[in-house]
Amino acid sequence: MNFIFDREKPLFSIVKKPHQLHISCRGNKYLVRNGLDLGAAMEKIARKLNGNGGGHQVAAGATIPQEKEQDFITILNEIITNQLSKKEE
């Protein structure tokens, strides 16, 4: 993951299953040093959206109802932005 895409952004994969979305995400050491905690983010979002989620700072996942995709993206953006901006304060 350290050499894929932009090192300043985590990578997310969303797979649509019947009635559910399976989300997988990966970060890198650089992002974790700058405040990223994907496990906490996935757990918090999944709980809000009646799903299951969790993992580690650098790798995590969640399963949520399919109709909650846009809510997931909105909340995810808020949480990740907040996590990464705390390090800069």
PDB file of N, CA and C in Angstrom:
ATOM      1  N   MET A   1       0.824  -1.197   0.000  1.00  0.00           N
ATOM      2  CA  MET A   1       0.000   0.000   0.000  1.00  0.00           C
ATOM      3  C   MET A   1       0.863   1.254   0.000  1.00  0.00           C
ATOM      4  N   ASN A   2       2.070   1.145   0.503  1.00  0.00           N
ATOM      5  CA  ASN A   2       2.934   2.317   0.575  1.00  0.00           C
ATOM      6  C   ASN A   2       3.304   2.876  -0.794  1.00  0.00           C
ATOM      7  N   PHE A   3       3.124   2.105  -1.844  1.00  0.00           N
ATOM      8  CA  PHE A   3       3.553   2.555  -3.156  1.00  0.00           C
ATOM      9  C   PHE A   3       2.404   2.612  -4.172  1.00  0.00           C
ATOM     10  N   ILE A   4       1.179   2.503  -3.717  1.00  0.00           N
ATOM     11  CA  ILE A   4       0.014   2.562  -4.604  1.00  0.00           C
ATOM     12  C   ILE A   4      -0.636   3.928  -4.472  1.00  0.00           C
ATOM     13  N   PHE A   5      -0.914   4.543  -5.600  1.00  0.00           N
ATOM     14  CA  PHE A   5      -1.649   5.805  -5.634  1.00  0.00           C
ATOM     15  C   PHE A   5      -0.959   6.911  -4.834  1.00  0.00           C
ATOM     16  N   ASP A   6      -1.754   7.734  -4.178  1.00  0.00           N
ATOM     17  CA  ASP A   6      -1.264   8.902  -3.458  1.00  0.00           C
ATOM     18  C   ASP A   6      -1.022   8.535  -1.993  1.00  0.00           C
ATOM     19  N   ARG A   7       0.212   8.700  -1.524  1.00  0.00           N
ATOM     20  CA  ARG A   7       0.517   8.293  -0.139  1.00  0.00           C
ATOM     21  C   ARG A   7      -0.220   9.145   0.889  1.00  0.00           C
ATOM     22  N   GLU A   8      -0.806  10.249   0.487  1.00  0.00           N
ATOM     23  CA  GLU A   8      -1.508  11.130   1.417  1.00  0.00           C
ATOM     24  C   GLU A   8      -3.009  10.865   1.475  1.00  0.00           C
ATOM     25  N   LYS A   9      -3.450   9.768   0.860  1.00  0.00           N
ATOM     26  CA  LYS A   9      -4.871   9.417   0.884  1.00  0.00           C
ATOM     27  C   LYS A   9      -5.022   7.914   1.095  1.00  0.00           C
ATOM     28  N   PRO A  10      -5.934   7.515   1.985  1.00  0.00           N
ATOM     29  CA  PRO A  10      -6.203   6.087   2.136  1.00  0.00           C
ATOM     30  C   PRO A  10      -6.961   5.558   0.919  1.00  0.00           C
ATOM     31  N   LEU A  11      -6.907   4.260   0.727  1.00  0.00           N
ATOM     32  CA  LEU A  11      -7.565   3.591  -0.393  1.00  0.00           C
ATOM     33  C   LEU A  11      -8.791   2.842   0.124  1.00  0.00           C
ATOM     34  N   PHE A  12      -9.932   3.017  -0.550  1.00  0.00           N
ATOM     35  CA  PHE A  12     -11.176   2.354  -0.157  1.00  0.00           C
ATOM     36  C   PHE A  12     -11.732   1.550  -1.318  1.00  0.00           C
ATOM     37  N   SER A  13     -12.250   0.385  -0.998  1.00  0.00           N
ATOM     38  CA  SER A  13     -12.910  -0.477  -1.968  1.00  0.00           C
ATOM     39  C   SER A  13     -14.321  -0.741  -1.462  1.00  0.00           C
ATOM     40  N   ILE A  14     -15.314  -0.558  -2.322  1.00  0.00           N
ATOM     41  CA  ILE A  14     -16.707  -0.830  -1.955  1.00  0.00           C
ATOM     42  C   ILE A  14     -17.243  -1.883  -2.915  1.00  0.00           C
ATOM     43  N   VAL A  15     -17.687  -3.013  -2.366  1.00  0.00           N
ATOM     44  CA  VAL A  15     -18.243  -4.106  -3.160  1.00  0.00           C
ATOM     45  C   VAL A  15     -19.723  -4.222  -2.822  1.00  0.00           C
ATOM     46  N   LYS A  16     -20.560  -4.186  -3.856  1.00  0.00           N
ATOM     47  CA  LYS A  16     -22.010  -4.286  -3.647  1.00  0.00           C
ATOM     48  C   LYS A  16     -22.431  -5.749  -3.672  1.00  0.00           C
ATOM     49  N   LYS A  17     -23.038  -6.160  -2.584  1.00  0.00           N
ATOM     50  CA  LYS A  17     -23.623  -7.494  -2.445  1.00  0.00           C
ATOM     51  C   LYS A  17     -25.134  -7.290  -2.306  1.00  0.00           C
ATOM     52  N   PRO A  18     -25.923  -8.340  -2.421  1.00  0.00           N
ATOM     53  CA  PRO A  18     -27.366  -8.155  -2.229  1.00  0.00           C
ATOM     54  C   PRO A  18     -27.666  -7.535  -0.854  1.00  0.00           C
ATOM     55  N   HIS A  19     -28.204  -6.355  -0.861  1.00  0.00           N
ATOM     56  CA  HIS A  19     -28.638  -5.641   0.339  1.00  0.00           C
ATOM     57  C   HIS A  19     -27.504  -5.115   1.220  1.00  0.00           C
ATOM     58  N   GLN A  20     -26.246  -5.355   0.853  1.00  0.00           N
ATOM     59  CA  GLN A  20     -25.135  -4.915   1.691  1.00  0.00           C
ATOM     60  C   GLN A  20     -24.004  -4.330   0.852  1.00  0.00           C
ATOM     61  N   LEU A  21     -23.217  -3.492   1.506  1.00  0.00           N
ATOM     62  CA  LEU A  21     -21.957  -3.018   0.937  1.00  0.00           C
ATOM     63  C   LEU A  21     -20.834  -3.552   1.822  1.00  0.00           C
ATOM     64  N   HIS A  22     -19.810  -4.103   1.194  1.00  0.00           N
ATOM     65  CA  HIS A  22     -18.627  -4.555   1.913  1.00  0.00           C
ATOM     66  C   HIS A  22     -17.522  -3.562   1.586  1.00  0.00           C
ATOM     67  N   ILE A  23     -17.007  -2.928   2.619  1.00  0.00           N
ATOM     68  CA  ILE A  23     -16.005  -1.893   2.446  1.00  0.00           C
ATOM     69  C   ILE A  23     -14.679  -2.376   3.037  1.00  0.00           C
ATOM     70  N   SER A  24     -13.613  -2.191   2.282  1.00  0.00           N
ATOM     71  CA  SER A  24     -12.281  -2.506   2.744  1.00  0.00           C
ATOM     72  C   SER A  24     -11.430  -1.260   2.548  1.00  0.00           C
ATOM     73  N   CYS A  25     -10.541  -0.984   3.489  1.00  0.00           N
ATOM     74  CA  CYS A  25      -9.716   0.216   3.355  1.00  0.00           C
ATOM     75  C   CYS A  25      -8.312  -0.046   3.872  1.00  0.00           C
ATOM     76  N   ARG A  26      -7.385   0.671   3.260  1.00  0.00           N
ATOM     77  CA  ARG A  26      -5.980   0.557   3.634  1.00  0.00           C
ATOM     78  C   ARG A  26      -5.354   1.948   3.682  1.00  0.00           C
ATOM     79  N   GLY A  27      -4.464   2.119   4.629  1.00  0.00           N
ATOM     80  CA  GLY A  27      -3.688   3.339   4.730  1.00  0.00           C
ATOM     81  C   GLY A  27      -2.217   2.985   4.615  1.00  0.00           C
ATOM     82  N   ASN A  28      -1.380   3.785   5.226  1.00  0.00           N
ATOM     83  CA  ASN A  28       0.053   3.509   5.241  1.00  0.00           C
ATOM     84  C   ASN A  28       0.652   4.146   6.497  1.00  0.00           C
ATOM     85  N   LYS A  29       1.910   3.888   6.730  1.00  0.00           N
ATOM     86  CA  LYS A  29       2.570   4.395   7.941  1.00  0.00           C
ATOM     87  C   LYS A  29       2.578   5.919   7.987  1.00  0.00           C
ATOM     88  N   TYR A  30       2.764   6.531   6.843  1.00  0.00           N
ATOM     89  CA  TYR A  30       2.759   7.994   6.769  1.00  0.00           C
ATOM     90  C   TYR A  30       1.428   8.550   7.280  1.00  0.00           C
ATOM     91  N   LEU A  31       0.316   7.992   6.820  1.00  0.00           N
ATOM     92  CA  LEU A  31      -1.014   8.470   7.233  1.00  0.00           C
ATOM     93  C   LEU A  31      -1.268   8.202   8.712  1.00  0.00           C
ATOM     94  N   VAL A  32      -0.864   7.035   9.196  1.00  0.00           N
ATOM     95  CA  VAL A  32      -1.049   6.717  10.621  1.00  0.00           C
ATOM     96  C   VAL A  32      -0.261   7.701  11.482  1.00  0.00           C
ATOM     97  N   ARG A  33       0.958   8.016  11.084  1.00  0.00           N
ATOM     98  CA  ARG A  33       1.760   9.005  11.833  1.00  0.00           C
ATOM     99  C   ARG A  33       1.081  10.380  11.837  1.00  0.00           C
ATOM    100  N   ASN A  34       0.242  10.617  10.842  1.00  0.00           N
ATOM    101  CA  ASN A  34      -0.448  11.904  10.737  1.00  0.00           C
ATOM    102  C   ASN A  34      -1.871  11.861  11.284  1.00  0.00           C
ATOM    103  N   GLY A  35      -2.213  10.797  12.031  1.00  0.00           N
ATOM    104  CA  GLY A  35      -3.479  10.756  12.740  1.00  0.00           C
ATOM    105  C   GLY A  35      -4.521   9.778  12.235  1.00  0.00           C
ATOM    106  N   LEU A  36      -4.277   9.088  11.140  1.00  0.00           N
ATOM    107  CA  LEU A  36      -5.264   8.168  10.569  1.00  0.00           C
ATOM    108  C   LEU A  36      -5.502   6.966  11.478  1.00  0.00           C
ATOM    109  N   ASP A  37      -6.762   6.625  11.695  1.00  0.00           N
ATOM    110  CA  ASP A  37      -7.148   5.402  12.400  1.00  0.00           C
ATOM    111  C   ASP A  37      -8.360   4.829  11.686  1.00  0.00           C
ATOM    112  N   LEU A  38      -8.107   3.998  10.683  1.00  0.00           N
ATOM    113  CA  LEU A  38      -9.194   3.431   9.875  1.00  0.00           C
ATOM    114  C   LEU A  38     -10.093   2.516  10.693  1.00  0.00           C
ATOM    115  N   GLY A  39      -9.535   1.765  11.642  1.00  0.00           N
ATOM    116  CA  GLY A  39     -10.347   0.871  12.472  1.00  0.00           C
ATOM    117  C   GLY A  39     -11.389   1.640  13.258  1.00  0.00           C
ATOM    118  N   ALA A  40     -10.977   2.731  13.888  1.00  0.00           N
ATOM    119  CA  ALA A  40     -11.919   3.556  14.649  1.00  0.00           C
ATOM    120  C   ALA A  40     -12.956   4.180  13.727  1.00  0.00           C
ATOM    121  N   ALA A  41     -12.527   4.629  12.561  1.00  0.00           N
ATOM    122  CA  ALA A  41     -13.458   5.236  11.603  1.00  0.00           C
ATOM    123  C   ALA A  41     -14.505   4.229  11.137  1.00  0.00           C
ATOM    124  N   MET A  42     -14.072   3.027  10.755  1.00  0.00           N
ATOM    125  CA  MET A  42     -15.018   2.014  10.253  1.00  0.00           C
ATOM    126  C   MET A  42     -15.984   1.575  11.343  1.00  0.00           C
ATOM    127  N   GLU A  43     -15.487   1.432  12.565  1.00  0.00           N
ATOM    128  CA  GLU A  43     -16.362   1.033  13.671  1.00  0.00           C
ATOM    129  C   GLU A  43     -17.431   2.102  13.928  1.00  0.00           C
ATOM    130  N   LYS A  44     -17.017   3.351  13.982  1.00  0.00           N
ATOM    131  CA  LYS A  44     -17.944   4.450  14.258  1.00  0.00           C
ATOM    132  C   LYS A  44     -18.994   4.600  13.154  1.00  0.00           C
ATOM    133  N   ILE A  45     -18.551   4.564  11.914  1.00  0.00           N
ATOM    134  CA  ILE A  45     -19.482   4.722  10.792  1.00  0.00           C
ATOM    135  C   ILE A  45     -20.457   3.554  10.732  1.00  0.00           C
ATOM    136  N   ALA A  46     -19.949   2.342  10.829  1.00  0.00           N
ATOM    137  CA  ALA A  46     -20.814   1.165  10.747  1.00  0.00           C
ATOM    138  C   ALA A  46     -21.870   1.175  11.850  1.00  0.00           C
ATOM    139  N   ARG A  47     -21.460   1.557  13.053  1.00  0.00           N
ATOM    140  CA  ARG A  47     -22.414   1.616  14.167  1.00  0.00           C
ATOM    141  C   ARG A  47     -23.538   2.605  13.847  1.00  0.00           C
ATOM    142  N   LYS A  48     -23.184   3.775  13.296  1.00  0.00           N
ATOM    143  CA  LYS A  48     -24.181   4.793  12.950  1.00  0.00           C
ATOM    144  C   LYS A  48     -25.133   4.329  11.863  1.00  0.00           C
ATOM    145  N   LEU A  49     -24.648   3.449  10.988  1.00  0.00           N
ATOM    146  CA  LEU A  49     -25.439   3.043   9.818  1.00  0.00           C
ATOM    147  C   LEU A  49     -25.999   1.630   9.939  1.00  0.00           C
ATOM    148  N   ASN A  50     -26.091   1.115  11.165  1.00  0.00           N
ATOM    149  CA  ASN A  50     -26.648  -0.213  11.423  1.00  0.00           C
ATOM    150  C   ASN A  50     -25.882  -1.330  10.726  1.00  0.00           C
ATOM    151  N   GLY A  51     -24.561  -1.245  10.805  1.00  0.00           N
ATOM    152  CA  GLY A  51     -23.711  -2.274  10.214  1.00  0.00           C
ATOM    153  C   GLY A  51     -22.666  -2.727  11.201  1.00  0.00           C
ATOM    154  N   ASN A  52     -21.636  -3.369  10.695  1.00  0.00           N
ATOM    155  CA  ASN A  52     -20.525  -3.855  11.514  1.00  0.00           C
ATOM    156  C   ASN A  52     -19.213  -3.382  10.891  1.00  0.00           C
ATOM    157  N   GLY A  53     -18.279  -2.999  11.734  1.00  0.00           N
ATOM    158  CA  GLY A  53     -17.000  -2.561  11.198  1.00  0.00           C
ATOM    159  C   GLY A  53     -15.947  -2.475  12.260  1.00  0.00           C
ATOM    160  N   GLY A  54     -14.707  -2.372  11.816  1.00  0.00           N
ATOM    161  CA  GLY A  54     -13.585  -2.237  12.721  1.00  0.00           C
ATOM    162  C   GLY A  54     -12.305  -2.626  12.025  1.00  0.00           C
ATOM    163  N   GLY A  55     -11.267  -2.806  12.815  1.00  0.00           N
ATOM    164  CA  GLY A  55      -9.977  -3.188  12.261  1.00  0.00           C
ATOM    165  C   GLY A  55      -8.847  -2.490  12.968  1.00  0.00           C
ATOM    166  N   HIS A  56      -7.825  -2.162  12.217  1.00  0.00           N
ATOM    167  CA  HIS A  56      -6.612  -1.555  12.745  1.00  0.00           C
ATOM    168  C   HIS A  56      -6.444  -0.151  12.176  1.00  0.00           C
ATOM    169  N   GLN A  57      -5.463   0.568  12.680  1.00  0.00           N
ATOM    170  CA  GLN A  57      -5.232   1.928  12.191  1.00  0.00           C
ATOM    171  C   GLN A  57      -4.967   1.948  10.696  1.00  0.00           C
ATOM    172  N   VAL A  58      -4.223   0.984  10.205  1.00  0.00           N
ATOM    173  CA  VAL A  58      -3.779   0.997   8.813  1.00  0.00           C
ATOM    174  C   VAL A  58      -4.648   0.140   7.885  1.00  0.00           C
ATOM    175  N   ALA A  59      -5.483  -0.735   8.423  1.00  0.00           N
ATOM    176  CA  ALA A  59      -6.325  -1.615   7.605  1.00  0.00           C
ATOM    177  C   ALA A  59      -7.607  -1.933   8.359  1.00  0.00           C
ATOM    178  N   ALA A  60      -8.736  -1.776   7.678  1.00  0.00           N
ATOM    179  CA  ALA A  60     -10.023  -2.004   8.349  1.00  0.00           C
ATOM    180  C   ALA A  60     -11.097  -2.301   7.310  1.00  0.00           C
ATOM    181  N   GLY A  61     -12.307  -2.550   7.808  1.00  0.00           N
ATOM    182  CA  GLY A  61     -13.423  -2.824   6.913  1.00  0.00           C
ATOM    183  C   GLY A  61     -14.746  -2.656   7.608  1.00  0.00           C
ATOM    184  N   ALA A  62     -15.792  -2.708   6.804  1.00  0.00           N
ATOM    185  CA  ALA A  62     -17.149  -2.577   7.339  1.00  0.00           C
ATOM    186  C   ALA A  62     -18.139  -3.225   6.377  1.00  0.00           C
ATOM    187  N   THR A  63     -19.277  -3.597   6.935  1.00  0.00           N
ATOM    188  CA  THR A  63     -20.420  -4.060   6.157  1.00  0.00           C
ATOM    189  C   THR A  63     -21.602  -3.214   6.600  1.00  0.00           C
ATOM    190  N   ILE A  64     -22.268  -2.577   5.629  1.00  0.00           N
ATOM    191  CA  ILE A  64     -23.403  -1.696   5.928  1.00  0.00           C
ATOM    192  C   ILE A  64     -24.529  -1.973   4.954  1.00  0.00           C
ATOM    193  N   PRO A  65     -25.760  -1.532   5.279  1.00  0.00           N
ATOM    194  CA  PRO A  65     -26.865  -1.675   4.336  1.00  0.00           C
ATOM    195  C   PRO A  65     -26.562  -0.926   3.033  1.00  0.00           C
ATOM    196  N   GLN A  66     -26.923  -1.532   1.907  1.00  0.00           N
ATOM    197  CA  GLN A  66     -26.604  -0.971   0.599  1.00  0.00           C
ATOM    198  C   GLN A  66     -27.157   0.441   0.392  1.00  0.00           C
ATOM    199  N   GLU A  67     -28.318   0.721   0.933  1.00  0.00           N
ATOM    200  CA  GLU A  67     -28.934   2.036   0.736  1.00  0.00           C
ATOM    201  C   GLU A  67     -28.243   3.150   1.523  1.00  0.00           C
ATOM    202  N   LYS A  68     -27.248   2.801   2.314  1.00  0.00           N
ATOM    203  CA  LYS A  68     -26.519   3.788   3.135  1.00  0.00           C
ATOM    204  C   LYS A  68     -25.198   4.229   2.494  1.00  0.00           C
ATOM    205  N   GLU A  69     -24.981   3.932   1.223  1.00  0.00           N
ATOM    206  CA  GLU A  69     -23.698   4.229   0.579  1.00  0.00           C
ATOM    207  C   GLU A  69     -23.338   5.718   0.641  1.00  0.00           C
ATOM    208  N   GLN A  70     -24.255   6.587   0.269  1.00  0.00           N
ATOM    209  CA  GLN A  70     -23.946   8.011   0.269  1.00  0.00           C
ATOM    210  C   GLN A  70     -23.716   8.529   1.683  1.00  0.00           C
ATOM    211  N   ASP A  71     -24.494   8.027   2.652  1.00  0.00           N
ATOM    212  CA  ASP A  71     -24.270   8.399   4.055  1.00  0.00           C
ATOM    213  C   ASP A  71     -22.870   7.971   4.493  1.00  0.00           C
ATOM    214  N   PHE A  72     -22.473   6.765   4.096  1.00  0.00           N
ATOM    215  CA  PHE A  72     -21.145   6.266   4.438  1.00  0.00           C
ATOM    216  C   PHE A  72     -20.067   7.213   3.912  1.00  0.00           C
ATOM    217  N   ILE A  73     -20.156   7.583   2.658  1.00  0.00           N
ATOM    218  CA  ILE A  73     -19.143   8.441   2.043  1.00  0.00           C
ATOM    219  C   ILE A  73     -19.087   9.804   2.734  1.00  0.00           C
ATOM    220  N   THR A  74     -20.235  10.350   3.049  1.00  0.00           N
ATOM    221  CA  THR A  74     -20.286  11.656   3.716  1.00  0.00           C
ATOM    222  C   THR A  74     -19.641  11.605   5.097  1.00  0.00           C
ATOM    223  N   ILE A  75     -20.023  10.619   5.896  1.00  0.00           N
ATOM    224  CA  ILE A  75     -19.481  10.490   7.255  1.00  0.00           C
ATOM    225  C   ILE A  75     -17.992  10.153   7.196  1.00  0.00           C
ATOM    226  N   LEU A  76     -17.613   9.273   6.293  1.00  0.00           N
ATOM    227  CA  LEU A  76     -16.209   8.901   6.130  1.00  0.00           C
ATOM    228  C   LEU A  76     -15.347  10.124   5.844  1.00  0.00           C
ATOM    229  N   ASN A  77     -15.782  10.950   4.932  1.00  0.00           N
ATOM    230  CA  ASN A  77     -15.032  12.155   4.580  1.00  0.00           C
ATOM    231  C   ASN A  77     -14.840  13.053   5.806  1.00  0.00           C
ATOM    232  N   GLU A  78     -15.889  13.213   6.596  1.00  0.00           N
ATOM    233  CA  GLU A  78     -15.803  14.050   7.805  1.00  0.00           C
ATOM    234  C   GLU A  78     -14.804  13.472   8.809  1.00  0.00           C
ATOM    235  N   ILE A  79     -14.891  12.174   9.056  1.00  0.00           N
ATOM    236  CA  ILE A  79     -14.032  11.539  10.063  1.00  0.00           C
ATOM    237  C   ILE A  79     -12.565  11.554   9.633  1.00  0.00           C
ATOM    238  N   ILE A  80     -12.300  11.154   8.398  1.00  0.00           N
ATOM    239  CA  ILE A  80     -10.909  11.095   7.928  1.00  0.00           C
ATOM    240  C   ILE A  80     -10.302  12.497   7.875  1.00  0.00           C
ATOM    241  N   THR A  81     -11.068  13.466   7.404  1.00  0.00           N
ATOM    242  CA  THR A  81     -10.579  14.843   7.375  1.00  0.00           C
ATOM    243  C   THR A  81     -10.243  15.314   8.778  1.00  0.00           C
ATOM    244  N   ASN A  82     -11.109  15.010   9.732  1.00  0.00           N
ATOM    245  CA  ASN A  82     -10.881  15.392  11.129  1.00  0.00           C
ATOM    246  C   ASN A  82      -9.640  14.695  11.697  1.00  0.00           C
ATOM    247  N   GLN A  83      -9.509  13.397  11.458  1.00  0.00           N
ATOM    248  CA  GLN A  83      -8.356  12.678  11.975  1.00  0.00           C
ATOM    249  C   GLN A  83      -7.048  13.274  11.455  1.00  0.00           C
ATOM    250  N   LEU A  84      -6.984  13.530  10.170  1.00  0.00           N
ATOM    251  CA  LEU A  84      -5.739  14.000   9.567  1.00  0.00           C
ATOM    252  C   LEU A  84      -5.467  15.474   9.865  1.00  0.00           C
ATOM    253  N   SER A  85      -6.497  16.238  10.180  1.00  0.00           N
ATOM    254  CA  SER A  85      -6.268  17.647  10.482  1.00  0.00           C
ATOM    255  C   SER A  85      -5.818  17.849  11.934  1.00  0.00           C
ATOM    256  N   LYS A  86      -6.106  16.912  12.810  1.00  0.00           N
ATOM    257  CA  LYS A  86      -5.687  17.022  14.217  1.00  0.00           C
ATOM    258  C   LYS A  86      -4.180  17.046  14.356  1.00  0.00           C
ATOM    259  N   LYS A  87      -3.488  16.299  13.522  1.00  0.00           N
ATOM    260  CA  LYS A  87      -2.029  16.229  13.596  1.00  0.00           C
ATOM    261  C   LYS A  87      -1.404  17.582  13.257  1.00  0.00           C
ATOM    262  N   GLU A  88      -2.077  18.350  12.399  1.00  0.00           N
ATOM    263  CA  GLU A  88      -1.528  19.614  11.931  1.00  0.00           C
ATOM    264  C   GLU A  88      -1.720  20.738  12.949  1.00  0.00           C
ATOM    265  N   GLU A  89      -2.591  20.563  13.925  1.00  0.00           N
ATOM    266  CA  GLU A  89      -2.879  21.628  14.902  1.00  0.00           C
ATOM    267  C   GLU A  89      -1.736  21.860  15.848  1.00  0.00           C
TER     268      GLU A  89
END
